[in-house]
Amino acid sequence: MAAYGIVKRIDQLPLNVSMGLCQGFMPLVGYNFAAGNYRRMRRVSVFSWKTALVMSACFVACFAVFAPQILHLFIPEAQTSALGAQFLRIACLAVPLTSVNFLISYTLQAMGKGAQSAVLTFSRQGLLNIPLLILMNVTIGLYGMIWTQLAVEVIMLPVSLGMYAHTFKGLKEN
């Protein structure tokens, strides 16, 4: 459990960077949305998503390569540190997808589409994450809990992209 807890904290670093990116681009999206410049708004969003993916890929690479060293900083006990390194390598796979899902949700918020953003957040946390955590913990055990985040993000990415595409399509028609 100690390894799991530390990995979930380390995993927050790239997600916090993505959230900072979200907060930085929201005014640009909101301004262009309000101005009716939907093409520029979409370019800002897509640029932010690409940036988040590149940053996330860098974190994934660092976490994959240096997982034992990173975990050893927090847990000097060898067996727990080795288990944590395995957990970190699994957990970091979800980071790029989580970043894009966050950015889509923040994009919808900046466009004044709070209901759609709330549906995405509720779907991720309430409908998928909690039941999958329980199910995967019962069926697979501790590793199942680590794989849950990736499963949730894989399921939610097409949902998020579909909601964004549907919302953007509705803007073109107006």
N, C-alpha and C. Protein backbone atom coordinates (compact mmCIF):
# COMPACT_ATOMS: atom_id res chain seq x y z
N MET A 1 0.82 -1.19 0.00
CA MET A 1 0.00 0.00 0.00
C MET A 1 0.87 1.25 0.00
N ALA A 2 2.02 1.18 0.66
CA ALA A 2 2.92 2.34 0.68
C ALA A 2 3.39 2.65 -0.73
N ALA A 3 3.77 1.62 -1.47
CA ALA A 3 4.23 1.83 -2.85
C ALA A 3 3.12 2.42 -3.70
N TYR A 4 1.90 1.92 -3.55
CA TYR A 4 0.75 2.42 -4.31
C TYR A 4 0.53 3.90 -4.00
N GLY A 5 0.54 4.26 -2.73
CA GLY A 5 0.31 5.64 -2.32
C GLY A 5 1.36 6.59 -2.87
N ILE A 6 2.60 6.18 -2.84
CA ILE A 6 3.67 7.04 -3.36
C ILE A 6 3.57 7.17 -4.87
N VAL A 7 3.27 6.09 -5.57
CA VAL A 7 3.13 6.14 -7.02
C VAL A 7 2.00 7.09 -7.42
N LYS A 8 0.90 7.04 -6.70
CA LYS A 8 -0.22 7.94 -7.02
C LYS A 8 0.17 9.40 -6.80
N ARG A 9 1.07 9.68 -5.88
CA ARG A 9 1.55 11.06 -5.67
C ARG A 9 2.53 11.46 -6.78
N ILE A 10 3.43 10.58 -7.13
CA ILE A 10 4.38 10.88 -8.21
C ILE A 10 3.63 11.10 -9.51
N ASP A 11 2.62 10.30 -9.72
CA ASP A 11 1.79 10.37 -10.93
C ASP A 11 1.07 11.71 -11.05
N GLN A 12 0.90 12.41 -9.95
CA GLN A 12 0.22 13.71 -9.96
C GLN A 12 1.08 14.81 -10.60
N LEU A 13 2.39 14.66 -10.61
CA LEU A 13 3.26 15.70 -11.16
C LEU A 13 2.93 16.03 -12.62
N PRO A 14 2.91 15.06 -13.53
CA PRO A 14 2.56 15.42 -14.91
C PRO A 14 1.12 15.90 -15.05
N LEU A 15 0.23 15.39 -14.21
CA LEU A 15 -1.16 15.84 -14.29
C LEU A 15 -1.30 17.28 -13.81
N ASN A 16 -0.51 17.67 -12.83
CA ASN A 16 -0.52 19.06 -12.38
C ASN A 16 0.05 19.99 -13.45
N VAL A 17 1.04 19.53 -14.18
CA VAL A 17 1.57 20.31 -15.29
C VAL A 17 0.48 20.50 -16.35
N SER A 18 -0.25 19.44 -16.64
CA SER A 18 -1.35 19.52 -17.60
C SER A 18 -2.44 20.48 -17.12
N MET A 19 -2.74 20.44 -15.84
CA MET A 19 -3.75 21.36 -15.31
C MET A 19 -3.28 22.80 -15.42
N GLY A 20 -2.01 23.04 -15.23
CA GLY A 20 -1.47 24.39 -15.42
C GLY A 20 -1.62 24.83 -16.87
N LEU A 21 -1.37 23.92 -17.78
CA LEU A 21 -1.57 24.21 -19.20
C LEU A 21 -3.03 24.53 -19.47
N CYS A 22 -3.92 23.76 -18.84
CA CYS A 22 -5.36 24.00 -18.99
C CYS A 22 -5.72 25.41 -18.53
N GLN A 23 -5.25 25.78 -17.38
CA GLN A 23 -5.57 27.10 -16.84
C GLN A 23 -5.00 28.21 -17.71
N GLY A 24 -3.89 27.94 -18.37
CA GLY A 24 -3.28 28.93 -19.23
C GLY A 24 -4.01 29.11 -20.55
N PHE A 25 -4.57 28.04 -21.09
CA PHE A 25 -5.20 28.17 -22.40
C PHE A 25 -6.70 28.47 -22.31
N MET A 26 -7.30 28.30 -21.16
CA MET A 26 -8.74 28.56 -21.02
C MET A 26 -9.13 29.99 -21.42
N PRO A 27 -8.38 31.02 -21.01
CA PRO A 27 -8.77 32.36 -21.45
C PRO A 27 -8.72 32.53 -22.97
N LEU A 28 -7.76 31.89 -23.62
CA LEU A 28 -7.67 31.97 -25.09
C LEU A 28 -8.87 31.30 -25.75
N VAL A 29 -9.24 30.15 -25.23
CA VAL A 29 -10.41 29.44 -25.77
C VAL A 29 -11.66 30.27 -25.52
N GLY A 30 -11.81 30.76 -24.30
CA GLY A 30 -12.99 31.55 -23.96
C GLY A 30 -13.11 32.82 -24.79
N TYR A 31 -11.99 33.51 -24.98
CA TYR A 31 -12.00 34.74 -25.76
C TYR A 31 -12.41 34.46 -27.20
N ASN A 32 -11.79 33.45 -27.81
CA ASN A 32 -12.09 33.13 -29.21
C ASN A 32 -13.50 32.58 -29.37
N PHE A 33 -13.97 31.84 -28.38
CA PHE A 33 -15.34 31.36 -28.43
C PHE A 33 -16.31 32.54 -28.40
N ALA A 34 -16.09 33.46 -27.48
CA ALA A 34 -16.97 34.62 -27.36
C ALA A 34 -16.92 35.50 -28.60
N ALA A 35 -15.76 35.56 -29.25
CA ALA A 35 -15.60 36.37 -30.45
C ALA A 35 -16.14 35.66 -31.69
N GLY A 36 -16.52 34.41 -31.54
CA GLY A 36 -17.03 33.65 -32.68
C GLY A 36 -15.94 33.15 -33.61
N ASN A 37 -14.69 33.22 -33.16
CA ASN A 37 -13.56 32.77 -33.96
C ASN A 37 -13.30 31.29 -33.61
N TYR A 38 -14.18 30.43 -34.09
CA TYR A 38 -14.14 29.02 -33.71
C TYR A 38 -12.94 28.29 -34.31
N ARG A 39 -12.52 28.70 -35.48
CA ARG A 39 -11.35 28.05 -36.09
C ARG A 39 -10.11 28.29 -35.23
N ARG A 40 -9.92 29.53 -34.80
CA ARG A 40 -8.77 29.84 -33.95
C ARG A 40 -8.90 29.15 -32.59
N MET A 41 -10.12 29.10 -32.07
CA MET A 41 -10.35 28.42 -30.80
C MET A 41 -9.95 26.95 -30.91
N ARG A 42 -10.32 26.33 -32.00
CA ARG A 42 -9.97 24.92 -32.20
C ARG A 42 -8.46 24.75 -32.35
N ARG A 43 -7.80 25.67 -33.05
CA ARG A 43 -6.34 25.59 -33.20
C ARG A 43 -5.64 25.71 -31.85
N VAL A 44 -6.13 26.61 -31.00
CA VAL A 44 -5.56 26.75 -29.66
C VAL A 44 -5.74 25.46 -28.88
N SER A 45 -6.93 24.89 -28.95
CA SER A 45 -7.22 23.64 -28.23
C SER A 45 -6.33 22.51 -28.72
N VAL A 46 -6.26 22.33 -30.02
CA VAL A 46 -5.47 21.23 -30.58
C VAL A 46 -3.99 21.42 -30.28
N PHE A 47 -3.51 22.66 -30.36
CA PHE A 47 -2.11 22.93 -30.00
C PHE A 47 -1.85 22.55 -28.54
N SER A 48 -2.78 22.90 -27.66
CA SER A 48 -2.63 22.56 -26.24
C SER A 48 -2.64 21.06 -26.04
N TRP A 49 -3.50 20.35 -26.76
CA TRP A 49 -3.54 18.89 -26.64
C TRP A 49 -2.22 18.28 -27.10
N LYS A 50 -1.69 18.78 -28.21
CA LYS A 50 -0.41 18.27 -28.71
C LYS A 50 0.71 18.55 -27.72
N THR A 51 0.71 19.75 -27.15
CA THR A 51 1.72 20.11 -26.16
C THR A 51 1.63 19.19 -24.95
N ALA A 52 0.42 18.95 -24.49
CA ALA A 52 0.22 18.06 -23.35
C ALA A 52 0.70 16.64 -23.66
N LEU A 53 0.45 16.19 -24.88
CA LEU A 53 0.91 14.85 -25.26
C LEU A 53 2.43 14.75 -25.28
N VAL A 54 3.08 15.78 -25.79
CA VAL A 54 4.56 15.77 -25.83
C VAL A 54 5.12 15.80 -24.41
N MET A 55 4.57 16.69 -23.57
CA MET A 55 5.04 16.74 -22.18
C MET A 55 4.78 15.42 -21.47
N SER A 56 3.61 14.86 -21.69
CA SER A 56 3.27 13.59 -21.06
C SER A 56 4.20 12.48 -21.53
N ALA A 57 4.52 12.47 -22.81
CA ALA A 57 5.44 11.46 -23.33
C ALA A 57 6.81 11.56 -22.66
N CYS A 58 7.25 12.78 -22.40
CA CYS A 58 8.53 12.98 -21.70
C CYS A 58 8.45 12.41 -20.28
N PHE A 59 7.35 12.67 -19.59
CA PHE A 59 7.18 12.12 -18.24
C PHE A 59 7.11 10.60 -18.29
N VAL A 60 6.38 10.05 -19.24
CA VAL A 60 6.28 8.59 -19.37
C VAL A 60 7.66 7.99 -19.57
N ALA A 61 8.44 8.59 -20.46
CA ALA A 61 9.80 8.08 -20.71
C ALA A 61 10.66 8.15 -19.45
N CYS A 62 10.61 9.28 -18.76
CA CYS A 62 11.40 9.41 -17.53
C CYS A 62 10.95 8.42 -16.46
N PHE A 63 9.65 8.30 -16.30
CA PHE A 63 9.14 7.37 -15.29
C PHE A 63 9.47 5.93 -15.64
N ALA A 64 9.41 5.60 -16.93
CA ALA A 64 9.70 4.23 -17.34
C ALA A 64 11.18 3.89 -17.13
N VAL A 65 12.04 4.82 -17.49
CA VAL A 65 13.48 4.56 -17.40
C VAL A 65 13.99 4.66 -15.96
N PHE A 66 13.53 5.67 -15.24
CA PHE A 66 14.09 5.95 -13.92
C PHE A 66 13.17 5.55 -12.76
N ALA A 67 12.20 4.70 -13.02
CA ALA A 67 11.25 4.30 -11.97
C ALA A 67 11.93 3.78 -10.71
N PRO A 68 12.91 2.88 -10.81
CA PRO A 68 13.54 2.39 -9.57
C PRO A 68 14.22 3.50 -8.77
N GLN A 69 14.90 4.38 -9.47
CA GLN A 69 15.60 5.47 -8.78
C GLN A 69 14.62 6.45 -8.14
N ILE A 70 13.53 6.74 -8.85
CA ILE A 70 12.52 7.66 -8.32
C ILE A 70 11.89 7.08 -7.06
N LEU A 71 11.50 5.82 -7.13
CA LEU A 71 10.86 5.19 -5.98
C LEU A 71 11.82 5.04 -4.82
N HIS A 72 13.08 4.77 -5.12
CA HIS A 72 14.07 4.61 -4.04
C HIS A 72 14.26 5.91 -3.25
N LEU A 73 13.99 7.05 -3.88
CA LEU A 73 14.06 8.32 -3.16
C LEU A 73 13.03 8.38 -2.03
N PHE A 74 11.90 7.74 -2.23
CA PHE A 74 10.80 7.79 -1.27
C PHE A 74 10.74 6.56 -0.37
N ILE A 75 11.16 5.42 -0.91
CA ILE A 75 11.10 4.15 -0.16
C ILE A 75 12.46 3.47 -0.26
N PRO A 76 13.28 3.56 0.76
CA PRO A 76 14.59 2.91 0.68
C PRO A 76 14.52 1.39 0.79
N GLU A 77 13.41 0.84 1.30
CA GLU A 77 13.27 -0.60 1.44
C GLU A 77 13.17 -1.22 0.04
N ALA A 78 14.04 -2.16 -0.27
CA ALA A 78 14.23 -2.67 -1.63
C ALA A 78 12.98 -3.32 -2.23
N GLN A 79 12.31 -4.18 -1.50
CA GLN A 79 11.17 -4.90 -2.06
C GLN A 79 10.01 -3.94 -2.35
N THR A 80 9.72 -3.04 -1.45
CA THR A 80 8.64 -2.08 -1.66
C THR A 80 8.99 -1.12 -2.78
N SER A 81 10.24 -0.71 -2.84
CA SER A 81 10.69 0.19 -3.90
C SER A 81 10.58 -0.48 -5.27
N ALA A 82 10.94 -1.75 -5.36
CA ALA A 82 10.84 -2.49 -6.63
C ALA A 82 9.38 -2.64 -7.06
N LEU A 83 8.51 -2.93 -6.11
CA LEU A 83 7.08 -3.03 -6.41
C LEU A 83 6.55 -1.68 -6.88
N GLY A 84 6.95 -0.62 -6.20
CA GLY A 84 6.53 0.73 -6.58
C GLY A 84 7.01 1.11 -7.97
N ALA A 85 8.22 0.67 -8.34
CA ALA A 85 8.74 0.96 -9.68
C ALA A 85 7.87 0.29 -10.74
N GLN A 86 7.43 -0.94 -10.47
CA GLN A 86 6.52 -1.61 -11.41
C GLN A 86 5.20 -0.85 -11.50
N PHE A 87 4.69 -0.43 -10.36
CA PHE A 87 3.44 0.33 -10.34
C PHE A 87 3.58 1.64 -11.13
N LEU A 88 4.69 2.33 -10.94
CA LEU A 88 4.89 3.61 -11.63
C LEU A 88 4.94 3.42 -13.13
N ARG A 89 5.58 2.38 -13.57
CA ARG A 89 5.64 2.11 -15.02
C ARG A 89 4.26 1.85 -15.60
N ILE A 90 3.40 1.22 -14.85
CA ILE A 90 2.02 0.98 -15.30
C ILE A 90 1.22 2.27 -15.24
N ALA A 91 1.29 2.95 -14.10
CA ALA A 91 0.49 4.16 -13.89
C ALA A 91 0.81 5.26 -14.89
N CYS A 92 2.06 5.38 -15.28
CA CYS A 92 2.44 6.47 -16.18
C CYS A 92 1.87 6.29 -17.59
N LEU A 93 1.43 5.11 -17.93
CA LEU A 93 0.85 4.88 -19.26
C LEU A 93 -0.45 5.66 -19.45
N ALA A 94 -1.13 5.94 -18.35
CA ALA A 94 -2.41 6.68 -18.44
C ALA A 94 -2.21 8.18 -18.55
N VAL A 95 -1.03 8.68 -18.25
CA VAL A 95 -0.80 10.13 -18.18
C VAL A 95 -1.16 10.87 -19.48
N PRO A 96 -0.71 10.42 -20.65
CA PRO A 96 -1.08 11.17 -21.87
C PRO A 96 -2.59 11.22 -22.11
N LEU A 97 -3.26 10.11 -21.88
CA LEU A 97 -4.71 10.08 -22.09
C LEU A 97 -5.44 10.94 -21.06
N THR A 98 -4.99 10.89 -19.82
CA THR A 98 -5.59 11.71 -18.78
C THR A 98 -5.43 13.18 -19.11
N SER A 99 -4.25 13.56 -19.59
CA SER A 99 -3.99 14.96 -19.94
C SER A 99 -4.94 15.43 -21.03
N VAL A 100 -5.12 14.64 -22.07
CA VAL A 100 -6.02 15.04 -23.16
C VAL A 100 -7.46 15.09 -22.67
N ASN A 101 -7.86 14.11 -21.86
CA ASN A 101 -9.23 14.14 -21.32
C ASN A 101 -9.46 15.37 -20.46
N PHE A 102 -8.47 15.75 -19.64
CA PHE A 102 -8.58 16.98 -18.85
C PHE A 102 -8.71 18.19 -19.76
N LEU A 103 -7.87 18.26 -20.78
CA LEU A 103 -7.88 19.42 -21.67
C LEU A 103 -9.21 19.55 -22.41
N ILE A 104 -9.79 18.45 -22.80
CA ILE A 104 -11.09 18.51 -23.47
C ILE A 104 -12.14 19.03 -22.49
N SER A 105 -12.12 18.54 -21.27
CA SER A 105 -13.07 19.00 -20.26
C SER A 105 -12.90 20.50 -20.00
N TYR A 106 -11.67 20.95 -19.89
CA TYR A 106 -11.40 22.37 -19.66
C TYR A 106 -11.79 23.21 -20.87
N THR A 107 -11.62 22.67 -22.06
CA THR A 107 -12.03 23.37 -23.28
C THR A 107 -13.54 23.60 -23.25
N LEU A 108 -14.27 22.56 -22.90
CA LEU A 108 -15.73 22.69 -22.83
C LEU A 108 -16.13 23.71 -21.76
N GLN A 109 -15.43 23.73 -20.64
CA GLN A 109 -15.71 24.73 -19.61
C GLN A 109 -15.49 26.14 -20.12
N ALA A 110 -14.37 26.33 -20.83
CA ALA A 110 -14.05 27.66 -21.36
C ALA A 110 -15.07 28.12 -22.39
N MET A 111 -15.73 27.17 -23.05
CA MET A 111 -16.76 27.49 -24.03
C MET A 111 -18.12 27.71 -23.38
N GLY A 112 -18.16 27.62 -22.06
CA GLY A 112 -19.43 27.78 -21.36
C GLY A 112 -20.28 26.53 -21.37
N LYS A 113 -19.68 25.41 -21.68
CA LYS A 113 -20.39 24.13 -21.75
C LYS A 113 -20.14 23.33 -20.46
N GLY A 114 -20.54 23.93 -19.35
CA GLY A 114 -20.30 23.30 -18.05
C GLY A 114 -21.01 21.98 -17.87
N ALA A 115 -22.20 21.84 -18.43
CA ALA A 115 -22.94 20.58 -18.29
C ALA A 115 -22.18 19.44 -18.96
N GLN A 116 -21.67 19.68 -20.17
CA GLN A 116 -20.92 18.63 -20.87
C GLN A 116 -19.65 18.27 -20.10
N SER A 117 -18.97 19.28 -19.59
CA SER A 117 -17.76 19.05 -18.81
C SER A 117 -18.07 18.25 -17.56
N ALA A 118 -19.17 18.59 -16.90
CA ALA A 118 -19.56 17.87 -15.69
C ALA A 118 -19.92 16.42 -16.00
N VAL A 119 -20.56 16.19 -17.14
CA VAL A 119 -20.90 14.82 -17.54
C VAL A 119 -19.62 14.00 -17.74
N LEU A 120 -18.62 14.60 -18.38
CA LEU A 120 -17.35 13.89 -18.57
C LEU A 120 -16.69 13.56 -17.24
N THR A 121 -16.65 14.54 -16.34
CA THR A 121 -16.02 14.33 -15.04
C THR A 121 -16.77 13.26 -14.24
N PHE A 122 -18.08 13.35 -14.20
CA PHE A 122 -18.88 12.36 -13.47
C PHE A 122 -18.70 10.97 -14.08
N SER A 123 -18.65 10.91 -15.41
CA SER A 123 -18.48 9.61 -16.07
C SER A 123 -17.14 9.00 -15.72
N ARG A 124 -16.09 9.82 -15.72
CA ARG A 124 -14.75 9.32 -15.39
C ARG A 124 -14.70 8.81 -13.96
N GLN A 125 -15.16 9.64 -13.03
CA GLN A 125 -14.99 9.31 -11.61
C GLN A 125 -16.09 8.39 -11.07
N GLY A 126 -17.32 8.77 -11.28
CA GLY A 126 -18.42 8.03 -10.67
C GLY A 126 -18.82 6.77 -11.41
N LEU A 127 -19.00 6.89 -12.71
CA LEU A 127 -19.49 5.75 -13.48
C LEU A 127 -18.41 4.72 -13.79
N LEU A 128 -17.17 5.18 -13.97
CA LEU A 128 -16.12 4.24 -14.37
C LEU A 128 -15.08 3.97 -13.28
N ASN A 129 -14.46 5.02 -12.77
CA ASN A 129 -13.31 4.84 -11.89
C ASN A 129 -13.64 4.03 -10.63
N ILE A 130 -14.66 4.43 -9.91
CA ILE A 130 -14.97 3.76 -8.65
C ILE A 130 -15.39 2.30 -8.87
N PRO A 131 -16.35 2.03 -9.78
CA PRO A 131 -16.69 0.61 -10.00
C PRO A 131 -15.53 -0.22 -10.53
N LEU A 132 -14.72 0.36 -11.44
CA LEU A 132 -13.58 -0.39 -11.97
C LEU A 132 -12.52 -0.65 -10.89
N LEU A 133 -12.30 0.32 -10.01
CA LEU A 133 -11.36 0.09 -8.91
C LEU A 133 -11.79 -1.11 -8.08
N ILE A 134 -13.05 -1.16 -7.75
CA ILE A 134 -13.56 -2.27 -6.94
C ILE A 134 -13.47 -3.58 -7.71
N LEU A 135 -13.94 -3.57 -8.96
CA LEU A 135 -13.93 -4.78 -9.77
C LEU A 135 -12.51 -5.30 -10.03
N MET A 136 -11.63 -4.41 -10.41
CA MET A 136 -10.27 -4.85 -10.73
C MET A 136 -9.49 -5.23 -9.48
N ASN A 137 -9.79 -4.62 -8.36
CA ASN A 137 -9.14 -5.02 -7.12
C ASN A 137 -9.58 -6.43 -6.72
N VAL A 138 -10.87 -6.71 -6.89
CA VAL A 138 -11.39 -8.04 -6.54
C VAL A 138 -10.86 -9.10 -7.49
N THR A 139 -10.80 -8.78 -8.79
CA THR A 139 -10.42 -9.80 -9.77
C THR A 139 -8.91 -9.94 -9.96
N ILE A 140 -8.20 -8.83 -9.94
CA ILE A 140 -6.76 -8.88 -10.23
C ILE A 140 -5.92 -8.58 -8.99
N GLY A 141 -6.46 -7.85 -8.05
CA GLY A 141 -5.70 -7.49 -6.86
C GLY A 141 -5.08 -6.12 -7.00
N LEU A 142 -3.99 -5.93 -6.30
CA LEU A 142 -3.34 -4.62 -6.25
C LEU A 142 -2.94 -4.12 -7.63
N TYR A 143 -2.48 -4.99 -8.50
CA TYR A 143 -2.13 -4.56 -9.87
C TYR A 143 -3.38 -4.08 -10.62
N GLY A 144 -4.51 -4.66 -10.31
CA GLY A 144 -5.75 -4.22 -10.94
C GLY A 144 -6.07 -2.78 -10.62
N MET A 145 -5.78 -2.38 -9.38
CA MET A 145 -6.02 -0.99 -8.99
C MET A 145 -5.12 -0.04 -9.80
N ILE A 146 -3.91 -0.45 -10.08
CA ILE A 146 -2.99 0.38 -10.86
C ILE A 146 -3.45 0.46 -12.31
N TRP A 147 -3.91 -0.64 -12.88
CA TRP A 147 -4.36 -0.65 -14.27
C TRP A 147 -5.69 0.09 -14.48
N THR A 148 -6.42 0.33 -13.40
CA THR A 148 -7.74 0.95 -13.51
C THR A 148 -7.69 2.31 -14.20
N GLN A 149 -6.74 3.15 -13.82
CA GLN A 149 -6.68 4.50 -14.41
C GLN A 149 -6.51 4.44 -15.92
N LEU A 150 -5.65 3.56 -16.40
CA LEU A 150 -5.47 3.43 -17.84
C LEU A 150 -6.76 2.95 -18.51
N ALA A 151 -7.42 1.99 -17.90
CA ALA A 151 -8.68 1.49 -18.47
C ALA A 151 -9.72 2.61 -18.55
N VAL A 152 -9.83 3.39 -17.49
CA VAL A 152 -10.79 4.51 -17.48
C VAL A 152 -10.47 5.51 -18.59
N GLU A 153 -9.21 5.86 -18.72
CA GLU A 153 -8.83 6.87 -19.72
C GLU A 153 -9.01 6.36 -21.15
N VAL A 154 -8.74 5.08 -21.37
CA VAL A 154 -8.94 4.49 -22.70
C VAL A 154 -10.43 4.53 -23.07
N ILE A 155 -11.28 4.23 -22.11
CA ILE A 155 -12.73 4.27 -22.36
C ILE A 155 -13.20 5.70 -22.56
N MET A 156 -12.68 6.64 -21.77
CA MET A 156 -13.18 8.01 -21.80
C MET A 156 -12.65 8.83 -22.98
N LEU A 157 -11.50 8.49 -23.55
CA LEU A 157 -10.96 9.31 -24.63
C LEU A 157 -11.91 9.43 -25.81
N PRO A 158 -12.45 8.33 -26.35
CA PRO A 158 -13.40 8.50 -27.45
C PRO A 158 -14.68 9.23 -27.03
N VAL A 159 -15.09 9.05 -25.79
CA VAL A 159 -16.27 9.76 -25.29
C VAL A 159 -15.98 11.26 -25.26
N SER A 160 -14.82 11.64 -24.72
CA SER A 160 -14.44 13.05 -24.65
C SER A 160 -14.29 13.66 -26.04
N LEU A 161 -13.59 12.96 -26.91
CA LEU A 161 -13.40 13.46 -28.27
C LEU A 161 -14.75 13.58 -28.99
N GLY A 162 -15.62 12.60 -28.79
CA GLY A 162 -16.94 12.64 -29.41
C GLY A 162 -17.77 13.81 -28.91
N MET A 163 -17.71 14.07 -27.60
CA MET A 163 -18.47 15.19 -27.05
C MET A 163 -17.92 16.51 -27.57
N TYR A 164 -16.58 16.62 -27.64
CA TYR A 164 -15.98 17.84 -28.17
C TYR A 164 -16.37 18.03 -29.64
N ALA A 165 -16.25 16.96 -30.44
CA ALA A 165 -16.59 17.04 -31.87
C ALA A 165 -18.06 17.42 -32.06
N HIS A 166 -18.94 16.83 -31.28
CA HIS A 166 -20.36 17.15 -31.37
C HIS A 166 -20.61 18.61 -31.01
N THR A 167 -19.97 19.08 -29.97
CA THR A 167 -20.12 20.48 -29.54
C THR A 167 -19.57 21.42 -30.60
N PHE A 168 -18.40 21.10 -31.15
CA PHE A 168 -17.79 21.96 -32.15
C PHE A 168 -18.62 21.97 -33.44
N LYS A 169 -19.16 20.82 -33.81
CA LYS A 169 -19.99 20.73 -34.99
C LYS A 169 -21.23 21.63 -34.85
N GLY A 170 -21.78 21.65 -33.65
CA GLY A 170 -22.93 22.51 -33.39
C GLY A 170 -22.58 23.98 -33.52
N LEU A 171 -21.35 24.34 -33.24
CA LEU A 171 -20.93 25.73 -33.39
C LEU A 171 -20.84 26.13 -34.85
N LYS A 172 -20.38 25.23 -35.70
CA LYS A 172 -20.26 25.53 -37.12
C LYS A 172 -21.62 25.78 -37.74
N GLU A 173 -22.62 25.07 -37.24
CA GLU A 173 -23.96 25.19 -37.82
C GLU A 173 -24.62 26.51 -37.46
N ASN A 174 -24.19 27.12 -36.36
CA ASN A 174 -24.84 28.36 -35.91
C ASN A 174 -24.48 29.51 -36.81
